[in-house]
Amino acid sequence: MPDQEHARKLENKYEPRPDVEALTGGDYTPYPEKSIELSPEREKIVKSILALYGGSKSKEDMLVYHKDAVYDDPLSYCDTRYKIAGQWWGLPILFETETLARQNVQSTQPSPESKAGQIAWKQRERYTVRGVRLTKNVDSLITLVLDDEGKVRFHKDMWNEKEYSHQGIGKWWKELNGDKLTAITKPPDDL
């Protein structure tokens, strides 16, 4: 399981707490024509993350994350880049994926108070279970928190307008998945 103290420090410093209503208007459907423009540096970060969603398993794409980044979605919680890589390396084993639409909804610069900037976008991702051909579209609000070096320190993926549990069995499952999946998916040790 993650070192609780280490994870708590990262959460306190970097966890995004997006104003979901302000960013989505209560609708997670992405409308690409309403997308805000990102700087070239931030667009490159987003493209790397989208490539990972698409199954890239690329070390170059993974390097947008800080070594001590956090990834948090309904199924997993990871508190290092290596553990995050375990999730991305596992995705194409289980699913064929396709990003159907994206709408950038926020890009903030670091401030003296937070020393971190954020990028947020709405995304529609199609997941097809390999071998079964069962397909599901998932609309997400994805929020990245960047440190002052432009590295992703926190990646939060909220699916289908739902916040998710950080308590009880849900928390236990997410941490188990984040901690143990690398033994199966075997991302490069030097991540």
N, C-alpha and C. Protein backbone atom coordinates (compact mmCIF):
# COMPACT_ATOMS: atom_id res chain seq x y z
N MET A 1 0.83 -1.18 0.00
CA MET A 1 0.00 0.00 0.00
C MET A 1 0.88 1.25 0.00
N PRO A 2 0.35 2.40 -0.46
CA PRO A 2 1.17 3.60 -0.49
C PRO A 2 1.58 4.02 0.91
N ASP A 3 2.73 4.67 0.99
CA ASP A 3 3.15 5.29 2.24
C ASP A 3 2.13 6.39 2.51
N GLN A 4 1.31 6.20 3.52
CA GLN A 4 0.19 7.10 3.78
C GLN A 4 0.64 8.54 4.01
N GLU A 5 1.72 8.73 4.73
CA GLU A 5 2.22 10.08 5.01
C GLU A 5 2.66 10.77 3.71
N HIS A 6 3.41 10.03 2.88
CA HIS A 6 3.88 10.56 1.60
C HIS A 6 2.68 10.95 0.72
N ALA A 7 1.72 10.04 0.61
CA ALA A 7 0.54 10.30 -0.21
C ALA A 7 -0.25 11.49 0.32
N ARG A 8 -0.40 11.58 1.63
CA ARG A 8 -1.15 12.69 2.24
C ARG A 8 -0.48 14.03 1.94
N LYS A 9 0.84 14.08 1.99
CA LYS A 9 1.56 15.33 1.67
C LYS A 9 1.31 15.73 0.22
N LEU A 10 1.38 14.76 -0.69
CA LEU A 10 1.12 15.06 -2.10
C LEU A 10 -0.30 15.55 -2.31
N GLU A 11 -1.26 14.89 -1.67
CA GLU A 11 -2.66 15.30 -1.80
C GLU A 11 -2.86 16.71 -1.26
N ASN A 12 -2.31 16.99 -0.09
CA ASN A 12 -2.50 18.32 0.51
C ASN A 12 -1.92 19.42 -0.36
N LYS A 13 -0.81 19.12 -1.01
CA LYS A 13 -0.15 20.15 -1.81
C LYS A 13 -0.73 20.25 -3.22
N TYR A 14 -1.09 19.11 -3.82
CA TYR A 14 -1.40 19.12 -5.25
C TYR A 14 -2.80 18.66 -5.65
N GLU A 15 -3.55 17.98 -4.79
CA GLU A 15 -4.82 17.42 -5.28
C GLU A 15 -5.73 18.51 -5.79
N PRO A 16 -6.18 18.36 -7.04
CA PRO A 16 -7.13 19.35 -7.57
C PRO A 16 -8.50 19.13 -6.95
N ARG A 17 -9.12 20.21 -6.66
CA ARG A 17 -10.50 20.16 -6.20
C ARG A 17 -11.29 21.07 -7.15
N PRO A 18 -11.48 20.54 -8.37
CA PRO A 18 -12.10 21.39 -9.39
C PRO A 18 -13.52 21.78 -9.04
N ASP A 19 -13.89 22.98 -9.44
CA ASP A 19 -15.27 23.43 -9.33
C ASP A 19 -16.00 22.81 -10.51
N VAL A 20 -16.51 21.62 -10.28
CA VAL A 20 -17.10 20.82 -11.35
C VAL A 20 -18.22 21.58 -12.05
N GLU A 21 -19.06 22.23 -11.31
CA GLU A 21 -20.18 22.96 -11.90
C GLU A 21 -19.67 24.08 -12.82
N ALA A 22 -18.66 24.81 -12.36
CA ALA A 22 -18.12 25.91 -13.17
C ALA A 22 -17.46 25.38 -14.44
N LEU A 23 -16.77 24.24 -14.35
CA LEU A 23 -16.04 23.72 -15.50
C LEU A 23 -16.92 22.95 -16.48
N THR A 24 -18.01 22.37 -15.99
CA THR A 24 -18.82 21.52 -16.86
C THR A 24 -20.24 22.04 -17.09
N GLY A 25 -20.69 22.95 -16.21
CA GLY A 25 -22.08 23.38 -16.29
C GLY A 25 -23.03 22.23 -16.01
N GLY A 26 -22.51 21.21 -15.31
CA GLY A 26 -23.32 20.04 -15.01
C GLY A 26 -23.39 19.03 -16.14
N ASP A 27 -22.61 19.25 -17.19
CA ASP A 27 -22.63 18.37 -18.37
C ASP A 27 -21.20 17.96 -18.70
N TYR A 28 -20.89 16.68 -18.59
CA TYR A 28 -19.54 16.18 -18.89
C TYR A 28 -19.32 15.93 -20.37
N THR A 29 -20.35 16.12 -21.19
CA THR A 29 -20.19 15.93 -22.63
C THR A 29 -19.19 16.93 -23.17
N PRO A 30 -18.14 16.46 -23.87
CA PRO A 30 -17.19 17.42 -24.46
C PRO A 30 -17.74 18.02 -25.75
N TYR A 31 -17.54 19.32 -25.90
CA TYR A 31 -17.91 20.05 -27.11
C TYR A 31 -16.63 20.66 -27.67
N PRO A 32 -15.93 19.96 -28.57
CA PRO A 32 -14.63 20.43 -29.05
C PRO A 32 -14.65 21.85 -29.60
N GLU A 33 -15.76 22.26 -30.20
CA GLU A 33 -15.84 23.60 -30.78
C GLU A 33 -15.81 24.70 -29.72
N LYS A 34 -16.04 24.35 -28.46
CA LYS A 34 -16.00 25.31 -27.36
C LYS A 34 -14.68 25.25 -26.58
N SER A 35 -13.75 24.47 -27.07
CA SER A 35 -12.48 24.25 -26.38
C SER A 35 -11.65 25.53 -26.32
N ILE A 36 -11.04 25.77 -25.16
CA ILE A 36 -10.12 26.91 -25.05
C ILE A 36 -8.75 26.49 -25.59
N GLU A 37 -7.98 27.46 -26.03
CA GLU A 37 -6.66 27.17 -26.57
C GLU A 37 -5.65 27.01 -25.43
N LEU A 38 -4.75 26.04 -25.61
CA LEU A 38 -3.66 25.83 -24.66
C LEU A 38 -2.36 26.31 -25.26
N SER A 39 -1.42 26.67 -24.40
CA SER A 39 -0.08 27.01 -24.88
C SER A 39 0.53 25.77 -25.53
N PRO A 40 1.52 25.93 -26.40
CA PRO A 40 2.15 24.76 -27.02
C PRO A 40 2.72 23.78 -25.99
N GLU A 41 3.28 24.29 -24.89
CA GLU A 41 3.84 23.42 -23.86
C GLU A 41 2.75 22.58 -23.21
N ARG A 42 1.63 23.22 -22.92
CA ARG A 42 0.54 22.49 -22.27
C ARG A 42 -0.16 21.55 -23.24
N GLU A 43 -0.27 21.96 -24.49
CA GLU A 43 -0.86 21.06 -25.50
C GLU A 43 -0.01 19.80 -25.63
N LYS A 44 1.30 19.94 -25.55
CA LYS A 44 2.19 18.78 -25.62
C LYS A 44 1.95 17.83 -24.45
N ILE A 45 1.74 18.37 -23.26
CA ILE A 45 1.44 17.54 -22.08
C ILE A 45 0.14 16.78 -22.31
N VAL A 46 -0.89 17.50 -22.75
CA VAL A 46 -2.19 16.86 -22.96
C VAL A 46 -2.08 15.78 -24.04
N LYS A 47 -1.35 16.05 -25.10
CA LYS A 47 -1.19 15.04 -26.17
C LYS A 47 -0.50 13.79 -25.63
N SER A 48 0.48 13.96 -24.75
CA SER A 48 1.12 12.78 -24.15
C SER A 48 0.13 11.98 -23.31
N ILE A 49 -0.69 12.67 -22.52
CA ILE A 49 -1.69 11.99 -21.69
C ILE A 49 -2.70 11.28 -22.60
N LEU A 50 -3.16 11.95 -23.65
CA LEU A 50 -4.12 11.32 -24.57
C LEU A 50 -3.50 10.10 -25.26
N ALA A 51 -2.22 10.17 -25.58
CA ALA A 51 -1.54 9.01 -26.18
C ALA A 51 -1.55 7.84 -25.20
N LEU A 52 -1.35 8.12 -23.91
CA LEU A 52 -1.40 7.06 -22.91
C LEU A 52 -2.81 6.47 -22.81
N TYR A 53 -3.83 7.32 -22.84
CA TYR A 53 -5.20 6.81 -22.86
C TYR A 53 -5.40 5.92 -24.09
N GLY A 54 -4.71 6.25 -25.17
CA GLY A 54 -4.82 5.47 -26.41
C GLY A 54 -3.97 4.22 -26.44
N GLY A 55 -3.23 3.95 -25.35
CA GLY A 55 -2.45 2.71 -25.27
C GLY A 55 -1.00 2.83 -25.69
N SER A 56 -0.41 4.02 -25.68
CA SER A 56 0.94 4.21 -26.22
C SER A 56 2.03 3.46 -25.47
N LYS A 57 1.92 3.29 -24.16
CA LYS A 57 2.97 2.65 -23.36
C LYS A 57 4.35 3.24 -23.68
N SER A 58 4.40 4.56 -23.78
CA SER A 58 5.62 5.26 -24.18
C SER A 58 6.31 5.88 -22.97
N LYS A 59 7.58 5.60 -22.83
CA LYS A 59 8.36 6.22 -21.75
C LYS A 59 8.37 7.73 -21.93
N GLU A 60 8.51 8.20 -23.16
CA GLU A 60 8.50 9.64 -23.43
C GLU A 60 7.21 10.28 -22.96
N ASP A 61 6.07 9.64 -23.24
CA ASP A 61 4.80 10.18 -22.78
C ASP A 61 4.73 10.18 -21.25
N MET A 62 5.26 9.16 -20.61
CA MET A 62 5.24 9.06 -19.15
C MET A 62 6.06 10.15 -18.48
N LEU A 63 7.04 10.67 -19.16
CA LEU A 63 7.93 11.67 -18.55
C LEU A 63 7.27 13.03 -18.35
N VAL A 64 6.00 13.19 -18.77
CA VAL A 64 5.28 14.42 -18.42
C VAL A 64 4.92 14.41 -16.93
N TYR A 65 4.92 13.21 -16.31
CA TYR A 65 4.64 13.09 -14.88
C TYR A 65 5.91 13.29 -14.06
N HIS A 66 5.79 13.95 -12.94
CA HIS A 66 6.87 14.03 -11.95
C HIS A 66 7.06 12.64 -11.35
N LYS A 67 8.24 12.35 -10.88
CA LYS A 67 8.54 11.05 -10.26
C LYS A 67 7.57 10.74 -9.12
N ASP A 68 7.16 11.74 -8.36
CA ASP A 68 6.24 11.57 -7.24
C ASP A 68 4.84 12.09 -7.57
N ALA A 69 4.36 11.81 -8.76
CA ALA A 69 3.01 12.24 -9.14
C ALA A 69 1.97 11.31 -8.54
N VAL A 70 0.73 11.79 -8.51
CA VAL A 70 -0.41 11.00 -8.06
C VAL A 70 -1.39 10.88 -9.23
N TYR A 71 -1.93 9.68 -9.39
CA TYR A 71 -3.00 9.41 -10.36
C TYR A 71 -4.19 8.89 -9.56
N ASP A 72 -5.37 9.45 -9.80
CA ASP A 72 -6.56 9.07 -9.04
C ASP A 72 -7.75 9.00 -9.98
N ASP A 73 -8.32 7.79 -10.12
CA ASP A 73 -9.56 7.61 -10.87
C ASP A 73 -10.45 6.63 -10.10
N PRO A 74 -11.62 6.30 -10.60
CA PRO A 74 -12.51 5.42 -9.82
C PRO A 74 -11.95 4.03 -9.53
N LEU A 75 -10.97 3.57 -10.30
CA LEU A 75 -10.46 2.21 -10.14
C LEU A 75 -9.08 2.12 -9.51
N SER A 76 -8.32 3.21 -9.51
CA SER A 76 -6.96 3.11 -9.00
C SER A 76 -6.47 4.41 -8.38
N TYR A 77 -5.50 4.23 -7.50
CA TYR A 77 -4.83 5.35 -6.86
C TYR A 77 -3.34 5.01 -6.86
N CYS A 78 -2.54 5.86 -7.48
CA CYS A 78 -1.10 5.62 -7.60
C CYS A 78 -0.36 6.85 -7.09
N ASP A 79 0.73 6.64 -6.36
CA ASP A 79 1.46 7.78 -5.80
C ASP A 79 2.90 7.89 -6.28
N THR A 80 3.23 7.24 -7.41
CA THR A 80 4.52 7.44 -8.07
C THR A 80 4.32 7.30 -9.57
N ARG A 81 5.24 7.85 -10.33
CA ARG A 81 5.18 7.73 -11.80
C ARG A 81 5.26 6.26 -12.21
N TYR A 82 6.06 5.46 -11.51
CA TYR A 82 6.20 4.05 -11.84
C TYR A 82 4.85 3.32 -11.68
N LYS A 83 4.14 3.59 -10.59
CA LYS A 83 2.84 2.96 -10.39
C LYS A 83 1.83 3.46 -11.43
N ILE A 84 1.91 4.73 -11.78
CA ILE A 84 1.04 5.26 -12.83
C ILE A 84 1.31 4.53 -14.14
N ALA A 85 2.59 4.29 -14.44
CA ALA A 85 2.94 3.55 -15.65
C ALA A 85 2.32 2.16 -15.63
N GLY A 86 2.25 1.54 -14.46
CA GLY A 86 1.60 0.24 -14.35
C GLY A 86 0.17 0.26 -14.84
N GLN A 87 -0.54 1.36 -14.57
CA GLN A 87 -1.92 1.51 -15.04
C GLN A 87 -1.96 1.66 -16.56
N TRP A 88 -1.10 2.55 -17.08
CA TRP A 88 -1.09 2.79 -18.52
C TRP A 88 -0.63 1.56 -19.30
N TRP A 89 0.33 0.82 -18.76
CA TRP A 89 0.81 -0.39 -19.45
C TRP A 89 -0.27 -1.47 -19.43
N GLY A 90 -1.13 -1.45 -18.42
CA GLY A 90 -2.20 -2.44 -18.32
C GLY A 90 -3.40 -2.15 -19.18
N LEU A 91 -3.64 -0.87 -19.46
CA LEU A 91 -4.84 -0.48 -20.21
C LEU A 91 -4.97 -1.23 -21.54
N PRO A 92 -3.93 -1.27 -22.40
CA PRO A 92 -4.11 -1.95 -23.69
C PRO A 92 -4.19 -3.47 -23.58
N ILE A 93 -3.84 -4.03 -22.43
CA ILE A 93 -4.01 -5.47 -22.23
C ILE A 93 -5.50 -5.80 -22.14
N LEU A 94 -6.24 -4.94 -21.45
CA LEU A 94 -7.65 -5.19 -21.20
C LEU A 94 -8.59 -4.55 -22.22
N PHE A 95 -8.19 -3.39 -22.77
CA PHE A 95 -9.12 -2.60 -23.57
C PHE A 95 -8.49 -2.11 -24.86
N GLU A 96 -9.33 -1.97 -25.87
CA GLU A 96 -9.03 -1.11 -27.01
C GLU A 96 -9.65 0.22 -26.64
N THR A 97 -8.94 1.32 -26.85
CA THR A 97 -9.46 2.62 -26.45
C THR A 97 -9.38 3.60 -27.60
N GLU A 98 -10.28 4.57 -27.55
CA GLU A 98 -10.28 5.63 -28.55
C GLU A 98 -10.85 6.89 -27.90
N THR A 99 -10.12 7.99 -28.03
CA THR A 99 -10.64 9.27 -27.58
C THR A 99 -11.54 9.80 -28.68
N LEU A 100 -12.82 9.95 -28.36
CA LEU A 100 -13.81 10.38 -29.35
C LEU A 100 -13.94 11.90 -29.42
N ALA A 101 -13.73 12.58 -28.28
CA ALA A 101 -13.86 14.04 -28.26
C ALA A 101 -13.16 14.59 -27.02
N ARG A 102 -12.71 15.84 -27.14
CA ARG A 102 -12.06 16.53 -26.02
C ARG A 102 -12.41 18.00 -26.09
N GLN A 103 -12.65 18.57 -24.92
CA GLN A 103 -12.89 20.01 -24.80
C GLN A 103 -12.05 20.55 -23.66
N ASN A 104 -11.06 21.39 -23.97
CA ASN A 104 -10.27 22.04 -22.92
C ASN A 104 -11.17 23.06 -22.23
N VAL A 105 -11.24 22.99 -20.89
CA VAL A 105 -12.12 23.90 -20.16
C VAL A 105 -11.37 24.80 -19.19
N GLN A 106 -10.08 24.51 -18.92
CA GLN A 106 -9.34 25.36 -17.98
C GLN A 106 -7.84 25.24 -18.23
N SER A 107 -7.16 26.35 -18.09
CA SER A 107 -5.70 26.37 -18.11
C SER A 107 -5.28 27.56 -17.24
N THR A 108 -4.83 27.25 -16.03
CA THR A 108 -4.42 28.31 -15.12
C THR A 108 -2.92 28.25 -14.89
N GLN A 109 -2.35 29.39 -14.66
CA GLN A 109 -0.91 29.49 -14.40
C GLN A 109 -0.65 29.39 -12.91
N PRO A 110 0.59 29.04 -12.54
CA PRO A 110 0.92 29.02 -11.11
C PRO A 110 0.70 30.40 -10.50
N SER A 111 0.31 30.40 -9.23
CA SER A 111 0.14 31.65 -8.50
C SER A 111 1.00 31.59 -7.24
N PRO A 112 1.27 32.73 -6.61
CA PRO A 112 2.07 32.72 -5.38
C PRO A 112 1.45 31.85 -4.29
N GLU A 113 0.11 31.76 -4.28
CA GLU A 113 -0.55 30.95 -3.25
C GLU A 113 -0.39 29.46 -3.51
N SER A 114 -0.57 29.03 -4.77
CA SER A 114 -0.60 27.59 -5.05
C SER A 114 0.71 27.07 -5.63
N LYS A 115 1.48 27.92 -6.31
CA LYS A 115 2.70 27.52 -7.00
C LYS A 115 2.46 26.36 -7.97
N ALA A 116 1.22 26.16 -8.37
CA ALA A 116 0.88 25.10 -9.32
C ALA A 116 -0.15 25.63 -10.30
N GLY A 117 -0.06 25.17 -11.51
CA GLY A 117 -1.05 25.51 -12.52
C GLY A 117 -1.92 24.30 -12.79
N GLN A 118 -3.05 24.52 -13.44
CA GLN A 118 -3.94 23.41 -13.75
C GLN A 118 -4.35 23.44 -15.22
N ILE A 119 -4.60 22.24 -15.72
CA ILE A 119 -5.23 22.05 -17.02
C ILE A 119 -6.41 21.13 -16.77
N ALA A 120 -7.57 21.47 -17.33
CA ALA A 120 -8.72 20.59 -17.20
C ALA A 120 -9.40 20.47 -18.55
N TRP A 121 -9.88 19.27 -18.83
CA TRP A 121 -10.64 19.06 -20.05
C TRP A 121 -11.70 17.99 -19.83
N LYS A 122 -12.74 18.11 -20.67
CA LYS A 122 -13.77 17.07 -20.71
C LYS A 122 -13.39 16.14 -21.86
N GLN A 123 -13.59 14.85 -21.62
CA GLN A 123 -13.15 13.86 -22.59
C GLN A 123 -14.18 12.75 -22.71
N ARG A 124 -14.43 12.31 -23.93
CA ARG A 124 -15.24 11.11 -24.17
C ARG A 124 -14.28 10.04 -24.68
N GLU A 125 -14.18 8.97 -23.92
CA GLU A 125 -13.29 7.86 -24.26
C GLU A 125 -14.13 6.61 -24.48
N ARG A 126 -13.84 5.90 -25.55
CA ARG A 126 -14.51 4.63 -25.83
C ARG A 126 -13.59 3.50 -25.37
N TYR A 127 -14.13 2.64 -24.50
CA TYR A 127 -13.40 1.47 -24.02
C TYR A 127 -14.10 0.23 -24.57
N THR A 128 -13.35 -0.64 -25.23
CA THR A 128 -13.87 -1.90 -25.72
C THR A 128 -13.07 -3.01 -25.06
N VAL A 129 -13.76 -3.87 -24.32
CA VAL A 129 -13.09 -4.97 -23.63
C VAL A 129 -12.59 -5.96 -24.67
N ARG A 130 -11.30 -6.25 -24.60
CA ARG A 130 -10.69 -7.18 -25.56
C ARG A 130 -11.30 -8.58 -25.39
N GLY A 131 -11.54 -9.23 -26.51
CA GLY A 131 -12.06 -10.59 -26.49
C GLY A 131 -13.57 -10.67 -26.34
N VAL A 132 -14.18 -9.71 -25.67
CA VAL A 132 -15.62 -9.73 -25.41
C VAL A 132 -16.35 -8.78 -26.37
N ARG A 133 -15.65 -7.76 -26.81
CA ARG A 133 -16.18 -6.73 -27.70
C ARG A 133 -17.30 -5.91 -27.07
N LEU A 134 -17.33 -5.88 -25.75
CA LEU A 134 -18.27 -5.04 -25.02
C LEU A 134 -17.70 -3.62 -25.01
N THR A 135 -18.50 -2.64 -25.44
CA THR A 135 -18.03 -1.26 -25.58
C THR A 135 -18.81 -0.34 -24.65
N LYS A 136 -18.08 0.61 -24.07
CA LYS A 136 -18.69 1.62 -23.19
C LYS A 136 -18.00 2.94 -23.45
N ASN A 137 -18.80 4.00 -23.63
CA ASN A 137 -18.27 5.35 -23.72
C ASN A 137 -18.30 5.96 -22.32
N VAL A 138 -17.22 6.61 -21.95
CA VAL A 138 -17.11 7.24 -20.64
C VAL A 138 -16.79 8.71 -20.84
N ASP A 139 -17.62 9.59 -20.28
CA ASP A 139 -17.34 11.03 -20.28
C ASP A 139 -16.65 11.36 -18.96
N SER A 140 -15.55 12.07 -19.05
CA SER A 140 -14.73 12.38 -17.87
C SER A 140 -14.42 13.87 -17.79
N LEU A 141 -14.16 14.31 -16.58
CA LEU A 141 -13.50 15.59 -16.35
C LEU A 141 -12.11 15.23 -15.85
N ILE A 142 -11.12 15.61 -16.60
CA ILE A 142 -9.74 15.30 -16.26
C ILE A 142 -9.06 16.58 -15.84
N THR A 143 -8.44 16.55 -14.67
CA THR A 143 -7.73 17.71 -14.15
C THR A 143 -6.29 17.32 -13.86
N LEU A 144 -5.36 18.09 -14.42
CA LEU A 144 -3.94 17.91 -14.16
C LEU A 144 -3.45 19.10 -13.35
N VAL A 145 -2.67 18.84 -12.32
CA VAL A 145 -2.00 19.90 -11.58
C VAL A 145 -0.52 19.82 -11.95
N LEU A 146 0.03 20.96 -12.37
CA LEU A 146 1.42 21.03 -12.80
C LEU A 146 2.25 21.77 -11.75
N ASP A 147 3.48 21.31 -11.56
CA ASP A 147 4.37 22.04 -10.67
C ASP A 147 5.05 23.17 -11.44
N ASP A 148 5.93 23.92 -10.78
CA ASP A 148 6.54 25.08 -11.44
C ASP A 148 7.54 24.69 -12.51
N GLU A 149 7.83 23.39 -12.65
CA GLU A 149 8.69 22.91 -13.74
C GLU A 149 7.87 22.36 -14.91
N GLY A 150 6.54 22.44 -14.80
CA GLY A 150 5.68 21.96 -15.87
C GLY A 150 5.44 20.46 -15.85
N LYS A 151 5.75 19.78 -14.75
CA LYS A 151 5.51 18.34 -14.63
C LYS A 151 4.15 18.11 -13.98
N VAL A 152 3.47 17.05 -14.40
CA VAL A 152 2.20 16.69 -13.80
C VAL A 152 2.45 16.13 -12.41
N ARG A 153 1.84 16.75 -11.40
CA ARG A 153 1.97 16.27 -10.02
C ARG A 153 0.73 15.54 -9.55
N PHE A 154 -0.42 15.83 -10.16
CA PHE A 154 -1.66 15.16 -9.79
C PHE A 154 -2.52 15.04 -11.03
N HIS A 155 -3.01 13.85 -11.30
CA HIS A 155 -3.90 13.57 -12.44
C HIS A 155 -5.17 12.98 -11.86
N LYS A 156 -6.25 13.73 -11.95
CA LYS A 156 -7.54 13.28 -11.42
C LYS A 156 -8.49 13.08 -12.59
N ASP A 157 -9.07 11.89 -12.66
CA ASP A 157 -9.99 11.54 -13.74
C ASP A 157 -11.33 11.18 -13.11
N MET A 158 -12.32 12.06 -13.28
CA MET A 158 -13.66 11.85 -12.72
C MET A 158 -14.58 11.40 -13.85
N TRP A 159 -15.18 10.21 -13.70
CA TRP A 159 -15.99 9.60 -14.75
C TRP A 159 -17.47 9.90 -14.57
N ASN A 160 -18.11 10.18 -15.69
CA ASN A 160 -19.57 10.24 -15.76
C ASN A 160 -20.22 11.01 -14.61
N GLU A 161 -19.67 12.19 -14.36
CA GLU A 161 -20.25 13.12 -13.39
C GLU A 161 -20.30 12.58 -11.97
N LYS A 162 -19.37 11.69 -11.61
CA LYS A 162 -19.38 11.13 -10.27
C LYS A 162 -18.03 11.35 -9.59
N GLU A 163 -18.09 11.79 -8.36
CA GLU A 163 -16.91 11.77 -7.49
C GLU A 163 -16.85 10.35 -6.94
N TYR A 164 -15.73 9.93 -6.45
CA TYR A 164 -15.59 8.54 -6.05
C TYR A 164 -14.99 8.43 -4.68
N SER A 165 -15.15 7.27 -4.13
CA SER A 165 -14.83 7.05 -2.72
C SER A 165 -13.34 7.01 -2.45
N HIS A 166 -12.99 7.63 -1.35
CA HIS A 166 -11.64 7.50 -0.79
C HIS A 166 -11.76 6.92 0.62
N GLN A 167 -12.79 6.10 0.79
CA GLN A 167 -13.08 5.49 2.08
C GLN A 167 -13.28 3.99 1.91
N GLY A 168 -13.10 3.25 2.98
CA GLY A 168 -13.47 1.85 3.07
C GLY A 168 -12.94 0.97 1.97
N ILE A 169 -13.81 0.07 1.47
CA ILE A 169 -13.38 -0.92 0.48
C ILE A 169 -13.00 -0.27 -0.85
N GLY A 170 -13.67 0.84 -1.23
CA GLY A 170 -13.30 1.53 -2.46
C GLY A 170 -11.87 2.04 -2.41
N LYS A 171 -11.50 2.63 -1.30
CA LYS A 171 -10.12 3.12 -1.13
C LYS A 171 -9.14 1.94 -1.14
N TRP A 172 -9.49 0.88 -0.42
CA TRP A 172 -8.62 -0.28 -0.36
C TRP A 172 -8.39 -0.86 -1.76
N TRP A 173 -9.46 -1.00 -2.55
CA TRP A 173 -9.34 -1.55 -3.90
C TRP A 173 -8.46 -0.67 -4.80
N LYS A 174 -8.71 0.64 -4.73
CA LYS A 174 -7.93 1.57 -5.57
C LYS A 174 -6.45 1.50 -5.24
N GLU A 175 -6.12 1.46 -3.95
CA GLU A 175 -4.71 1.40 -3.55
C GLU A 175 -4.09 0.05 -3.90
N LEU A 176 -4.82 -1.02 -3.72
CA LEU A 176 -4.32 -2.34 -4.09
C LEU A 176 -4.03 -2.39 -5.58
N ASN A 177 -4.96 -1.91 -6.39
CA ASN A 177 -4.78 -1.86 -7.84
C ASN A 177 -3.54 -1.02 -8.20
N GLY A 178 -3.42 0.15 -7.59
CA GLY A 178 -2.28 1.02 -7.88
C GLY A 178 -0.96 0.42 -7.46
N ASP A 179 -0.94 -0.28 -6.32
CA ASP A 179 0.31 -0.82 -5.80
C ASP A 179 0.74 -2.12 -6.46
N LYS A 180 -0.19 -2.95 -6.89
CA LYS A 180 0.15 -4.30 -7.33
C LYS A 180 0.16 -4.51 -8.84
N LEU A 181 -0.48 -3.63 -9.59
CA LEU A 181 -0.60 -3.86 -11.03
C LEU A 181 0.75 -3.87 -11.74
N THR A 182 1.73 -3.14 -11.22
CA THR A 182 3.05 -3.11 -11.88
C THR A 182 3.68 -4.50 -11.94
N ALA A 183 3.37 -5.38 -10.99
CA ALA A 183 3.92 -6.74 -11.02
C ALA A 183 3.41 -7.53 -12.22
N ILE A 184 2.22 -7.15 -12.71
CA ILE A 184 1.63 -7.84 -13.86
C ILE A 184 2.00 -7.15 -15.16
N THR A 185 1.92 -5.80 -15.17
CA THR A 185 2.10 -5.07 -16.42
C THR A 185 3.56 -4.76 -16.73
N LYS A 186 4.42 -4.77 -15.74
CA LYS A 186 5.87 -4.61 -15.89
C LYS A 186 6.32 -3.41 -16.72
N PRO A 187 6.01 -2.19 -16.27
CA PRO A 187 6.55 -1.02 -16.96
C PRO A 187 8.07 -0.95 -16.73
N PRO A 188 8.78 -0.15 -17.50
CA PRO A 188 10.24 -0.04 -17.32
C PRO A 188 10.60 0.40 -15.91
N ASP A 189 11.57 -0.27 -15.33
CA ASP A 189 12.00 0.02 -13.95
C ASP A 189 12.50 1.44 -13.76
N ASP A 190 13.04 2.05 -14.81
CA ASP A 190 13.64 3.38 -14.68
C ASP A 190 12.63 4.52 -14.74
N LEU A 191 11.35 4.19 -14.74
CA LEU A 191 10.35 5.25 -14.69
C LEU A 191 10.20 5.71 -13.27
